[in-house]
Amino acid sequence: MAEAREAYATGELWAYGTWAQICIGAGMAYVLKGDLDEALGELTPILALPGEQRLATLVSRFGEVDQHLAHRRFRGSPAVLALREQITEYQAEAITTKAITKGDE
């Protein structure tokens, strides 16, 4: 995972989707452990991706993360509420098939 992070950090964007999937998976694992700080560390860079890199697969994976964050053990947590809002914004600003098709006209 460290190698993927370094490649992405140095500008090798050819596999940003794979890198993002790895980070989301790690973030979800931390959520399941209840370690929100580590989860945020994994998820924050992905939430900052520009709209044209917000693939449907990533949007779907964030939906899974959001389902876990909705668990009652996290109820009332300001950090969880903020993260869930970021996920909603990420999903709303994601690229869609319609946007790709429209851009090709």
PDB file of N, CA and C in Angstrom:
ATOM      1  N   MET A   1       0.823  -1.180   0.000  1.00  0.00           N
ATOM      2  CA  MET A   1       0.000   0.000   0.000  1.00  0.00           C
ATOM      3  C   MET A   1       0.874   1.253   0.000  1.00  0.00           C
ATOM      4  N   ALA A   2       1.988   1.201   0.678  1.00  0.00           N
ATOM      5  CA  ALA A   2       2.890   2.355   0.724  1.00  0.00           C
ATOM      6  C   ALA A   2       3.401   2.692  -0.669  1.00  0.00           C
ATOM      7  N   GLU A   3       3.669   1.666  -1.473  1.00  0.00           N
ATOM      8  CA  GLU A   3       4.152   1.893  -2.836  1.00  0.00           C
ATOM      9  C   GLU A   3       3.090   2.596  -3.685  1.00  0.00           C
ATOM     10  N   ALA A   4       1.842   2.180  -3.531  1.00  0.00           N
ATOM     11  CA  ALA A   4       0.747   2.819  -4.265  1.00  0.00           C
ATOM     12  C   ALA A   4       0.589   4.272  -3.841  1.00  0.00           C
ATOM     13  N   ARG A   5       0.692   4.546  -2.544  1.00  0.00           N
ATOM     14  CA  ARG A   5       0.587   5.928  -2.057  1.00  0.00           C
ATOM     15  C   ARG A   5       1.711   6.794  -2.628  1.00  0.00           C
ATOM     16  N   GLU A   6       2.921   6.251  -2.626  1.00  0.00           N
ATOM     17  CA  GLU A   6       4.055   7.020  -3.127  1.00  0.00           C
ATOM     18  C   GLU A   6       3.902   7.302  -4.624  1.00  0.00           C
ATOM     19  N   ALA A   7       3.480   6.309  -5.380  1.00  0.00           N
ATOM     20  CA  ALA A   7       3.274   6.501  -6.814  1.00  0.00           C
ATOM     21  C   ALA A   7       2.229   7.582  -7.059  1.00  0.00           C
ATOM     22  N   TYR A   8       1.152   7.546  -6.309  1.00  0.00           N
ATOM     23  CA  TYR A   8       0.106   8.553  -6.480  1.00  0.00           C
ATOM     24  C   TYR A   8       0.617   9.927  -6.061  1.00  0.00           C
ATOM     25  N   ALA A   9       1.317   9.998  -4.945  1.00  0.00           N
ATOM     26  CA  ALA A   9       1.819  11.281  -4.431  1.00  0.00           C
ATOM     27  C   ALA A   9       2.815  11.923  -5.384  1.00  0.00           C
ATOM     28  N   THR A  10       3.536  11.119  -6.147  1.00  0.00           N
ATOM     29  CA  THR A  10       4.525  11.673  -7.076  1.00  0.00           C
ATOM     30  C   THR A  10       3.924  11.966  -8.444  1.00  0.00           C
ATOM     31  N   GLY A  11       2.624  11.830  -8.567  1.00  0.00           N
ATOM     32  CA  GLY A  11       1.958  12.250  -9.789  1.00  0.00           C
ATOM     33  C   GLY A  11       1.627  11.150 -10.773  1.00  0.00           C
ATOM     34  N   GLU A  12       1.819   9.901 -10.416  1.00  0.00           N
ATOM     35  CA  GLU A  12       1.481   8.804 -11.318  1.00  0.00           C
ATOM     36  C   GLU A  12      -0.015   8.516 -11.207  1.00  0.00           C
ATOM     37  N   LEU A  13      -0.801   9.203 -12.031  1.00  0.00           N
ATOM     38  CA  LEU A  13      -2.258   9.137 -11.925  1.00  0.00           C
ATOM     39  C   LEU A  13      -2.876   8.014 -12.738  1.00  0.00           C
ATOM     40  N   TRP A  14      -2.095   7.199 -13.386  1.00  0.00           N
ATOM     41  CA  TRP A  14      -2.642   6.164 -14.255  1.00  0.00           C
ATOM     42  C   TRP A  14      -3.511   5.167 -13.511  1.00  0.00           C
ATOM     43  N   ALA A  15      -3.322   5.022 -12.230  1.00  0.00           N
ATOM     44  CA  ALA A  15      -4.103   4.038 -11.473  1.00  0.00           C
ATOM     45  C   ALA A  15      -4.793   4.668 -10.270  1.00  0.00           C
ATOM     46  N   TYR A  16      -5.275   5.896 -10.427  1.00  0.00           N
ATOM     47  CA  TYR A  16      -5.893   6.565  -9.278  1.00  0.00           C
ATOM     48  C   TYR A  16      -7.122   5.816  -8.780  1.00  0.00           C
ATOM     49  N   GLY A  17      -7.852   5.147  -9.671  1.00  0.00           N
ATOM     50  CA  GLY A  17      -9.032   4.400  -9.251  1.00  0.00           C
ATOM     51  C   GLY A  17      -8.671   3.227  -8.356  1.00  0.00           C
ATOM     52  N   THR A  18      -7.587   2.541  -8.722  1.00  0.00           N
ATOM     53  CA  THR A  18      -7.125   1.422  -7.909  1.00  0.00           C
ATOM     54  C   THR A  18      -6.637   1.920  -6.558  1.00  0.00           C
ATOM     55  N   TRP A  19      -5.861   2.995  -6.588  1.00  0.00           N
ATOM     56  CA  TRP A  19      -5.371   3.604  -5.349  1.00  0.00           C
ATOM     57  C   TRP A  19      -6.547   4.009  -4.463  1.00  0.00           C
ATOM     58  N   ALA A  20      -7.557   4.623  -5.063  1.00  0.00           N
ATOM     59  CA  ALA A  20      -8.719   5.068  -4.293  1.00  0.00           C
ATOM     60  C   ALA A  20      -9.470   3.883  -3.698  1.00  0.00           C
ATOM     61  N   GLN A  21      -9.605   2.800  -4.468  1.00  0.00           N
ATOM     62  CA  GLN A  21     -10.285   1.607  -3.956  1.00  0.00           C
ATOM     63  C   GLN A  21      -9.549   1.050  -2.742  1.00  0.00           C
ATOM     64  N   ILE A  22      -8.226   1.029  -2.809  1.00  0.00           N
ATOM     65  CA  ILE A  22      -7.421   0.531  -1.688  1.00  0.00           C
ATOM     66  C   ILE A  22      -7.640   1.402  -0.453  1.00  0.00           C
ATOM     67  N   CYS A  23      -7.601   2.707  -0.643  1.00  0.00           N
ATOM     68  CA  CYS A  23      -7.787   3.632   0.486  1.00  0.00           C
ATOM     69  C   CYS A  23      -9.187   3.521   1.080  1.00  0.00           C
ATOM     70  N   ILE A  24     -10.196   3.387   0.229  1.00  0.00           N
ATOM     71  CA  ILE A  24     -11.562   3.250   0.734  1.00  0.00           C
ATOM     72  C   ILE A  24     -11.703   1.944   1.509  1.00  0.00           C
ATOM     73  N   GLY A  25     -11.113   0.868   0.989  1.00  0.00           N
ATOM     74  CA  GLY A  25     -11.153  -0.409   1.702  1.00  0.00           C
ATOM     75  C   GLY A  25     -10.488  -0.317   3.061  1.00  0.00           C
ATOM     76  N   ALA A  26      -9.324   0.335   3.101  1.00  0.00           N
ATOM     77  CA  ALA A  26      -8.624   0.520   4.379  1.00  0.00           C
ATOM     78  C   ALA A  26      -9.449   1.407   5.308  1.00  0.00           C
ATOM     79  N   GLY A  27     -10.037   2.463   4.756  1.00  0.00           N
ATOM     80  CA  GLY A  27     -10.877   3.348   5.561  1.00  0.00           C
ATOM     81  C   GLY A  27     -12.063   2.617   6.153  1.00  0.00           C
ATOM     82  N   MET A  28     -12.680   1.750   5.341  1.00  0.00           N
ATOM     83  CA  MET A  28     -13.820   0.986   5.838  1.00  0.00           C
ATOM     84  C   MET A  28     -13.384   0.035   6.949  1.00  0.00           C
ATOM     85  N   ALA A  29     -12.219  -0.554   6.806  1.00  0.00           N
ATOM     86  CA  ALA A  29     -11.712  -1.449   7.860  1.00  0.00           C
ATOM     87  C   ALA A  29     -11.538  -0.677   9.165  1.00  0.00           C
ATOM     88  N   TYR A  30     -11.015   0.533   9.073  1.00  0.00           N
ATOM     89  CA  TYR A  30     -10.858   1.348  10.287  1.00  0.00           C
ATOM     90  C   TYR A  30     -12.216   1.737  10.874  1.00  0.00           C
ATOM     91  N   VAL A  31     -13.188   2.028  10.018  1.00  0.00           N
ATOM     92  CA  VAL A  31     -14.532   2.331  10.519  1.00  0.00           C
ATOM     93  C   VAL A  31     -15.069   1.126  11.281  1.00  0.00           C
ATOM     94  N   LEU A  32     -14.912  -0.064  10.713  1.00  0.00           N
ATOM     95  CA  LEU A  32     -15.405  -1.277  11.374  1.00  0.00           C
ATOM     96  C   LEU A  32     -14.715  -1.512  12.717  1.00  0.00           C
ATOM     97  N   LYS A  33     -13.446  -1.086  12.816  1.00  0.00           N
ATOM     98  CA  LYS A  33     -12.726  -1.198  14.086  1.00  0.00           C
ATOM     99  C   LYS A  33     -13.120  -0.090  15.051  1.00  0.00           C
ATOM    100  N   GLY A  34     -13.808   0.948  14.549  1.00  0.00           N
ATOM    101  CA  GLY A  34     -14.174   2.082  15.388  1.00  0.00           C
ATOM    102  C   GLY A  34     -13.092   3.135  15.474  1.00  0.00           C
ATOM    103  N   ASP A  35     -12.082   3.066  14.624  1.00  0.00           N
ATOM    104  CA  ASP A  35     -10.963   4.009  14.634  1.00  0.00           C
ATOM    105  C   ASP A  35     -11.215   5.094  13.583  1.00  0.00           C
ATOM    106  N   LEU A  36     -11.947   6.114  13.985  1.00  0.00           N
ATOM    107  CA  LEU A  36     -12.352   7.159  13.044  1.00  0.00           C
ATOM    108  C   LEU A  36     -11.188   8.030  12.578  1.00  0.00           C
ATOM    109  N   ASP A  37     -10.206   8.251  13.434  1.00  0.00           N
ATOM    110  CA  ASP A  37      -9.058   9.060  13.023  1.00  0.00           C
ATOM    111  C   ASP A  37      -8.313   8.407  11.866  1.00  0.00           C
ATOM    112  N   GLU A  38      -8.052   7.118  11.980  1.00  0.00           N
ATOM    113  CA  GLU A  38      -7.366   6.401  10.897  1.00  0.00           C
ATOM    114  C   GLU A  38      -8.252   6.326   9.654  1.00  0.00           C
ATOM    115  N   ALA A  39      -9.548   6.134   9.855  1.00  0.00           N
ATOM    116  CA  ALA A  39     -10.477   6.099   8.725  1.00  0.00           C
ATOM    117  C   ALA A  39     -10.431   7.423   7.967  1.00  0.00           C
ATOM    118  N   LEU A  40     -10.452   8.519   8.704  1.00  0.00           N
ATOM    119  CA  LEU A  40     -10.374   9.834   8.057  1.00  0.00           C
ATOM    120  C   LEU A  40      -9.070  10.001   7.298  1.00  0.00           C
ATOM    121  N   GLY A  41      -7.993   9.504   7.857  1.00  0.00           N
ATOM    122  CA  GLY A  41      -6.704   9.589   7.186  1.00  0.00           C
ATOM    123  C   GLY A  41      -6.699   8.880   5.846  1.00  0.00           C
ATOM    124  N   GLU A  42      -7.420   7.779   5.762  1.00  0.00           N
ATOM    125  CA  GLU A  42      -7.511   7.024   4.504  1.00  0.00           C
ATOM    126  C   GLU A  42      -8.503   7.646   3.528  1.00  0.00           C
ATOM    127  N   LEU A  43      -9.622   8.132   4.042  1.00  0.00           N
ATOM    128  CA  LEU A  43     -10.711   8.575   3.179  1.00  0.00           C
ATOM    129  C   LEU A  43     -10.589  10.019   2.706  1.00  0.00           C
ATOM    130  N   THR A  44      -9.966  10.871   3.500  1.00  0.00           N
ATOM    131  CA  THR A  44      -9.902  12.291   3.164  1.00  0.00           C
ATOM    132  C   THR A  44      -9.274  12.564   1.801  1.00  0.00           C
ATOM    133  N   PRO A  45      -8.140  11.936   1.452  1.00  0.00           N
ATOM    134  CA  PRO A  45      -7.574  12.206   0.117  1.00  0.00           C
ATOM    135  C   PRO A  45      -8.504  11.788  -1.021  1.00  0.00           C
ATOM    136  N   ILE A  46      -9.271  10.741  -0.814  1.00  0.00           N
ATOM    137  CA  ILE A  46     -10.184  10.283  -1.865  1.00  0.00           C
ATOM    138  C   ILE A  46     -11.367  11.237  -1.976  1.00  0.00           C
ATOM    139  N   LEU A  47     -11.829  11.716  -0.854  1.00  0.00           N
ATOM    140  CA  LEU A  47     -12.933  12.681  -0.870  1.00  0.00           C
ATOM    141  C   LEU A  47     -12.535  13.981  -1.562  1.00  0.00           C
ATOM    142  N   ALA A  48     -11.237  14.238  -1.654  1.00  0.00           N
ATOM    143  CA  ALA A  48     -10.746  15.463  -2.288  1.00  0.00           C
ATOM    144  C   ALA A  48     -10.492  15.314  -3.791  1.00  0.00           C
ATOM    145  N   LEU A  49     -10.718  14.118  -4.339  1.00  0.00           N
ATOM    146  CA  LEU A  49     -10.501  13.935  -5.772  1.00  0.00           C
ATOM    147  C   LEU A  49     -11.411  14.861  -6.576  1.00  0.00           C
ATOM    148  N   PRO A  50     -10.920  15.377  -7.692  1.00  0.00           N
ATOM    149  CA  PRO A  50     -11.784  16.223  -8.532  1.00  0.00           C
ATOM    150  C   PRO A  50     -12.929  15.405  -9.133  1.00  0.00           C
ATOM    151  N   GLY A  51     -13.996  16.079  -9.500  1.00  0.00           N
ATOM    152  CA  GLY A  51     -15.195  15.425 -10.016  1.00  0.00           C
ATOM    153  C   GLY A  51     -14.940  14.446 -11.136  1.00  0.00           C
ATOM    154  N   GLU A  52     -14.016  14.764 -12.033  1.00  0.00           N
ATOM    155  CA  GLU A  52     -13.766  13.877 -13.170  1.00  0.00           C
ATOM    156  C   GLU A  52     -13.062  12.576 -12.768  1.00  0.00           C
ATOM    157  N   GLN A  53     -12.604  12.476 -11.527  1.00  0.00           N
ATOM    158  CA  GLN A  53     -11.990  11.244 -11.039  1.00  0.00           C
ATOM    159  C   GLN A  53     -12.885  10.494 -10.058  1.00  0.00           C
ATOM    160  N   ARG A  54     -14.085  10.953  -9.887  1.00  0.00           N
ATOM    161  CA  ARG A  54     -15.019  10.313  -8.950  1.00  0.00           C
ATOM    162  C   ARG A  54     -15.833   9.263  -9.695  1.00  0.00           C
ATOM    163  N   LEU A  55     -15.228   8.119  -9.869  1.00  0.00           N
ATOM    164  CA  LEU A  55     -15.809   7.030 -10.636  1.00  0.00           C
ATOM    165  C   LEU A  55     -16.998   6.396  -9.933  1.00  0.00           C
ATOM    166  N   ALA A  56     -17.873   5.771 -10.712  1.00  0.00           N
ATOM    167  CA  ALA A  56     -19.064   5.128 -10.154  1.00  0.00           C
ATOM    168  C   ALA A  56     -18.692   4.063  -9.135  1.00  0.00           C
ATOM    169  N   THR A  57     -17.600   3.349  -9.374  1.00  0.00           N
ATOM    170  CA  THR A  57     -17.192   2.324  -8.411  1.00  0.00           C
ATOM    171  C   THR A  57     -16.807   2.950  -7.073  1.00  0.00           C
ATOM    172  N   LEU A  58     -16.185   4.114  -7.111  1.00  0.00           N
ATOM    173  CA  LEU A  58     -15.799   4.795  -5.875  1.00  0.00           C
ATOM    174  C   LEU A  58     -17.031   5.331  -5.158  1.00  0.00           C
ATOM    175  N   VAL A  59     -17.967   5.857  -5.914  1.00  0.00           N
ATOM    176  CA  VAL A  59     -19.219   6.348  -5.333  1.00  0.00           C
ATOM    177  C   VAL A  59     -19.936   5.200  -4.624  1.00  0.00           C
ATOM    178  N   SER A  60     -19.958   4.048  -5.271  1.00  0.00           N
ATOM    179  CA  SER A  60     -20.603   2.876  -4.679  1.00  0.00           C
ATOM    180  C   SER A  60     -19.904   2.439  -3.398  1.00  0.00           C
ATOM    181  N   ARG A  61     -18.580   2.404  -3.424  1.00  0.00           N
ATOM    182  CA  ARG A  61     -17.824   2.006  -2.227  1.00  0.00           C
ATOM    183  C   ARG A  61     -18.060   2.979  -1.082  1.00  0.00           C
ATOM    184  N   PHE A  62     -18.137   4.283  -1.398  1.00  0.00           N
ATOM    185  CA  PHE A  62     -18.429   5.258  -0.345  1.00  0.00           C
ATOM    186  C   PHE A  62     -19.832   5.038   0.217  1.00  0.00           C
ATOM    187  N   GLY A  63     -20.746   4.538  -0.608  1.00  0.00           N
ATOM    188  CA  GLY A  63     -22.073   4.186  -0.102  1.00  0.00           C
ATOM    189  C   GLY A  63     -21.984   3.100   0.959  1.00  0.00           C
ATOM    190  N   GLU A  64     -21.078   2.138   0.753  1.00  0.00           N
ATOM    191  CA  GLU A  64     -20.863   1.075   1.743  1.00  0.00           C
ATOM    192  C   GLU A  64     -20.289   1.657   3.034  1.00  0.00           C
ATOM    193  N   VAL A  65     -19.330   2.560   2.896  1.00  0.00           N
ATOM    194  CA  VAL A  65     -18.739   3.200   4.077  1.00  0.00           C
ATOM    195  C   VAL A  65     -19.823   3.944   4.843  1.00  0.00           C
ATOM    196  N   ASP A  66     -20.662   4.674   4.109  1.00  0.00           N
ATOM    197  CA  ASP A  66     -21.725   5.449   4.743  1.00  0.00           C
ATOM    198  C   ASP A  66     -22.689   4.546   5.512  1.00  0.00           C
ATOM    199  N   GLN A  67     -22.981   3.378   4.962  1.00  0.00           N
ATOM    200  CA  GLN A  67     -23.867   2.437   5.668  1.00  0.00           C
ATOM    201  C   GLN A  67     -23.268   2.025   7.007  1.00  0.00           C
ATOM    202  N   HIS A  68     -21.971   1.792   7.030  1.00  0.00           N
ATOM    203  CA  HIS A  68     -21.319   1.421   8.291  1.00  0.00           C
ATOM    204  C   HIS A  68     -21.300   2.600   9.266  1.00  0.00           C
ATOM    205  N   LEU A  69     -21.142   3.796   8.735  1.00  0.00           N
ATOM    206  CA  LEU A  69     -21.134   4.983   9.601  1.00  0.00           C
ATOM    207  C   LEU A  69     -22.511   5.279  10.180  1.00  0.00           C
ATOM    208  N   ALA A  70     -23.548   4.739   9.555  1.00  0.00           N
ATOM    209  CA  ALA A  70     -24.912   4.944  10.050  1.00  0.00           C
ATOM    210  C   ALA A  70     -25.225   4.054  11.257  1.00  0.00           C
ATOM    211  N   HIS A  71     -24.315   3.164  11.621  1.00  0.00           N
ATOM    212  CA  HIS A  71     -24.535   2.252  12.745  1.00  0.00           C
ATOM    213  C   HIS A  71     -24.759   3.041  14.033  1.00  0.00           C
ATOM    214  N   ARG A  72     -25.569   2.513  14.891  1.00  0.00           N
ATOM    215  CA  ARG A  72     -25.939   3.221  16.129  1.00  0.00           C
ATOM    216  C   ARG A  72     -24.751   3.547  17.028  1.00  0.00           C
ATOM    217  N   ARG A  73     -23.668   2.779  16.938  1.00  0.00           N
ATOM    218  CA  ARG A  73     -22.512   3.073  17.805  1.00  0.00           C
ATOM    219  C   ARG A  73     -21.860   4.416  17.473  1.00  0.00           C
ATOM    220  N   PHE A  74     -22.126   4.911  16.259  1.00  0.00           N
ATOM    221  CA  PHE A  74     -21.551   6.199  15.859  1.00  0.00           C
ATOM    222  C   PHE A  74     -22.542   7.356  16.013  1.00  0.00           C
ATOM    223  N   ARG A  75     -23.758   7.048  16.428  1.00  0.00           N
ATOM    224  CA  ARG A  75     -24.796   8.069  16.546  1.00  0.00           C
ATOM    225  C   ARG A  75     -24.352   9.196  17.469  1.00  0.00           C
ATOM    226  N   GLY A  76     -24.523  10.424  17.025  1.00  0.00           N
ATOM    227  CA  GLY A  76     -24.188  11.598  17.825  1.00  0.00           C
ATOM    228  C   GLY A  76     -22.745  12.054  17.689  1.00  0.00           C
ATOM    229  N   SER A  77     -21.942  11.346  16.910  1.00  0.00           N
ATOM    230  CA  SER A  77     -20.543  11.734  16.740  1.00  0.00           C
ATOM    231  C   SER A  77     -20.425  12.857  15.705  1.00  0.00           C
ATOM    232  N   PRO A  78     -19.910  14.018  16.108  1.00  0.00           N
ATOM    233  CA  PRO A  78     -19.731  15.111  15.144  1.00  0.00           C
ATOM    234  C   PRO A  78     -18.786  14.735  14.002  1.00  0.00           C
ATOM    235  N   ALA A  79     -17.754  13.947  14.300  1.00  0.00           N
ATOM    236  CA  ALA A  79     -16.810  13.532  13.258  1.00  0.00           C
ATOM    237  C   ALA A  79     -17.498  12.649  12.222  1.00  0.00           C
ATOM    238  N   VAL A  80     -18.357  11.754  12.684  1.00  0.00           N
ATOM    239  CA  VAL A  80     -19.074  10.867  11.771  1.00  0.00           C
ATOM    240  C   VAL A  80     -20.072  11.667  10.946  1.00  0.00           C
ATOM    241  N   LEU A  81     -20.768  12.579  11.577  1.00  0.00           N
ATOM    242  CA  LEU A  81     -21.717  13.419  10.853  1.00  0.00           C
ATOM    243  C   LEU A  81     -20.997  14.200   9.749  1.00  0.00           C
ATOM    244  N   ALA A  82     -19.855  14.783  10.069  1.00  0.00           N
ATOM    245  CA  ALA A  82     -19.089  15.548   9.075  1.00  0.00           C
ATOM    246  C   ALA A  82     -18.615  14.642   7.941  1.00  0.00           C
ATOM    247  N   LEU A  83     -18.153  13.445   8.273  1.00  0.00           N
ATOM    248  CA  LEU A  83     -17.689  12.513   7.252  1.00  0.00           C
ATOM    249  C   LEU A  83     -18.842  12.074   6.358  1.00  0.00           C
ATOM    250  N   ARG A  84     -19.975  11.805   6.933  1.00  0.00           N
ATOM    251  CA  ARG A  84     -21.135  11.397   6.128  1.00  0.00           C
ATOM    252  C   ARG A  84     -21.583  12.522   5.204  1.00  0.00           C
ATOM    253  N   GLU A  85     -21.487  13.764   5.664  1.00  0.00           N
ATOM    254  CA  GLU A  85     -21.813  14.904   4.799  1.00  0.00           C
ATOM    255  C   GLU A  85     -20.825  15.002   3.636  1.00  0.00           C
ATOM    256  N   GLN A  86     -19.546  14.771   3.921  1.00  0.00           N
ATOM    257  CA  GLN A  86     -18.531  14.796   2.861  1.00  0.00           C
ATOM    258  C   GLN A  86     -18.791  13.698   1.835  1.00  0.00           C
ATOM    259  N   ILE A  87     -19.192  12.537   2.301  1.00  0.00           N
ATOM    260  CA  ILE A  87     -19.499  11.438   1.392  1.00  0.00           C
ATOM    261  C   ILE A  87     -20.678  11.802   0.498  1.00  0.00           C
ATOM    262  N   THR A  88     -21.705  12.399   1.082  1.00  0.00           N
ATOM    263  CA  THR A  88     -22.872  12.819   0.301  1.00  0.00           C
ATOM    264  C   THR A  88     -22.473  13.833  -0.760  1.00  0.00           C
ATOM    265  N   GLU A  89     -21.632  14.795  -0.398  1.00  0.00           N
ATOM    266  CA  GLU A  89     -21.160  15.794  -1.364  1.00  0.00           C
ATOM    267  C   GLU A  89     -20.323  15.139  -2.457  1.00  0.00           C
ATOM    268  N   TYR A  90     -19.451  14.225  -2.064  1.00  0.00           N
ATOM    269  CA  TYR A  90     -18.613  13.497  -3.027  1.00  0.00           C
ATOM    270  C   TYR A  90     -19.501  12.801  -4.053  1.00  0.00           C
ATOM    271  N   GLN A  91     -20.504  12.096  -3.558  1.00  0.00           N
ATOM    272  CA  GLN A  91     -21.386  11.353  -4.450  1.00  0.00           C
ATOM    273  C   GLN A  91     -22.175  12.290  -5.360  1.00  0.00           C
ATOM    274  N   ALA A  92     -22.594  13.422  -4.842  1.00  0.00           N
ATOM    275  CA  ALA A  92     -23.364  14.376  -5.634  1.00  0.00           C
ATOM    276  C   ALA A  92     -22.530  15.011  -6.746  1.00  0.00           C
ATOM    277  N   GLU A  93     -21.236  15.148  -6.519  1.00  0.00           N
ATOM    278  CA  GLU A  93     -20.366  15.809  -7.489  1.00  0.00           C
ATOM    279  C   GLU A  93     -19.623  14.820  -8.386  1.00  0.00           C
ATOM    280  N   ALA A  94     -19.961  13.546  -8.293  1.00  0.00           N
ATOM    281  CA  ALA A  94     -19.268  12.514  -9.073  1.00  0.00           C
ATOM    282  C   ALA A  94     -19.632  12.622 -10.547  1.00  0.00           C
ATOM    283  N   ILE A  95     -18.703  12.171 -11.368  1.00  0.00           N
ATOM    284  CA  ILE A  95     -18.943  12.134 -12.803  1.00  0.00           C
ATOM    285  C   ILE A  95     -20.001  11.069 -13.094  1.00  0.00           C
ATOM    286  N   THR A  96     -20.826  11.337 -14.074  1.00  0.00           N
ATOM    287  CA  THR A  96     -21.867  10.385 -14.444  1.00  0.00           C
ATOM    288  C   THR A  96     -21.684   9.972 -15.895  1.00  0.00           C
ATOM    289  N   THR A  97     -22.287   8.881 -16.268  1.00  0.00           N
ATOM    290  CA  THR A  97     -22.230   8.442 -17.653  1.00  0.00           C
ATOM    291  C   THR A  97     -22.820   9.515 -18.554  1.00  0.00           C
ATOM    292  N   LYS A  98     -23.906  10.137 -18.122  1.00  0.00           N
ATOM    293  CA  LYS A  98     -24.541  11.176 -18.908  1.00  0.00           C
ATOM    294  C   LYS A  98     -23.585  12.341 -19.140  1.00  0.00           C
ATOM    295  N   ALA A  99     -22.816  12.722 -18.118  1.00  0.00           N
ATOM    296  CA  ALA A  99     -21.866  13.825 -18.266  1.00  0.00           C
ATOM    297  C   ALA A  99     -20.769  13.460 -19.255  1.00  0.00           C
ATOM    298  N   ILE A 100     -20.320  12.219 -19.243  1.00  0.00           N
ATOM    299  CA  ILE A 100     -19.282  11.789 -20.164  1.00  0.00           C
ATOM    300  C   ILE A 100     -19.822  11.842 -21.598  1.00  0.00           C
ATOM    301  N   THR A 101     -21.020  11.329 -21.808  1.00  0.00           N
ATOM    302  CA  THR A 101     -21.632  11.318 -23.125  1.00  0.00           C
ATOM    303  C   THR A 101     -21.850  12.732 -23.632  1.00  0.00           C
ATOM    304  N   LYS A 102     -22.335  13.614 -22.764  1.00  0.00           N
ATOM    305  CA  LYS A 102     -22.593  14.992 -23.156  1.00  0.00           C
ATOM    306  C   LYS A 102     -21.301  15.691 -23.572  1.00  0.00           C
ATOM    307  N   GLY A 103     -20.215  15.406 -22.898  1.00  0.00           N
ATOM    308  CA  GLY A 103     -18.928  16.021 -23.216  1.00  0.00           C
ATOM    309  C   GLY A 103     -18.372  15.573 -24.555  1.00  0.00           C
ATOM    310  N   ASP A 104     -18.833  14.446 -25.059  1.00  0.00           N
ATOM    311  CA  ASP A 104     -18.338  13.910 -26.326  1.00  0.00           C
ATOM    312  C   ASP A 104     -19.083  14.454 -27.528  1.00  0.00           C
ATOM    313  N   GLU A 105     -20.104  15.256 -27.308  1.00  0.00           N
ATOM    314  CA  GLU A 105     -20.926  15.766 -28.418  1.00  0.00           C
ATOM    315  C   GLU A 105     -20.156  16.719 -29.280  1.00  0.00           C
TER     316      GLU A 105
END
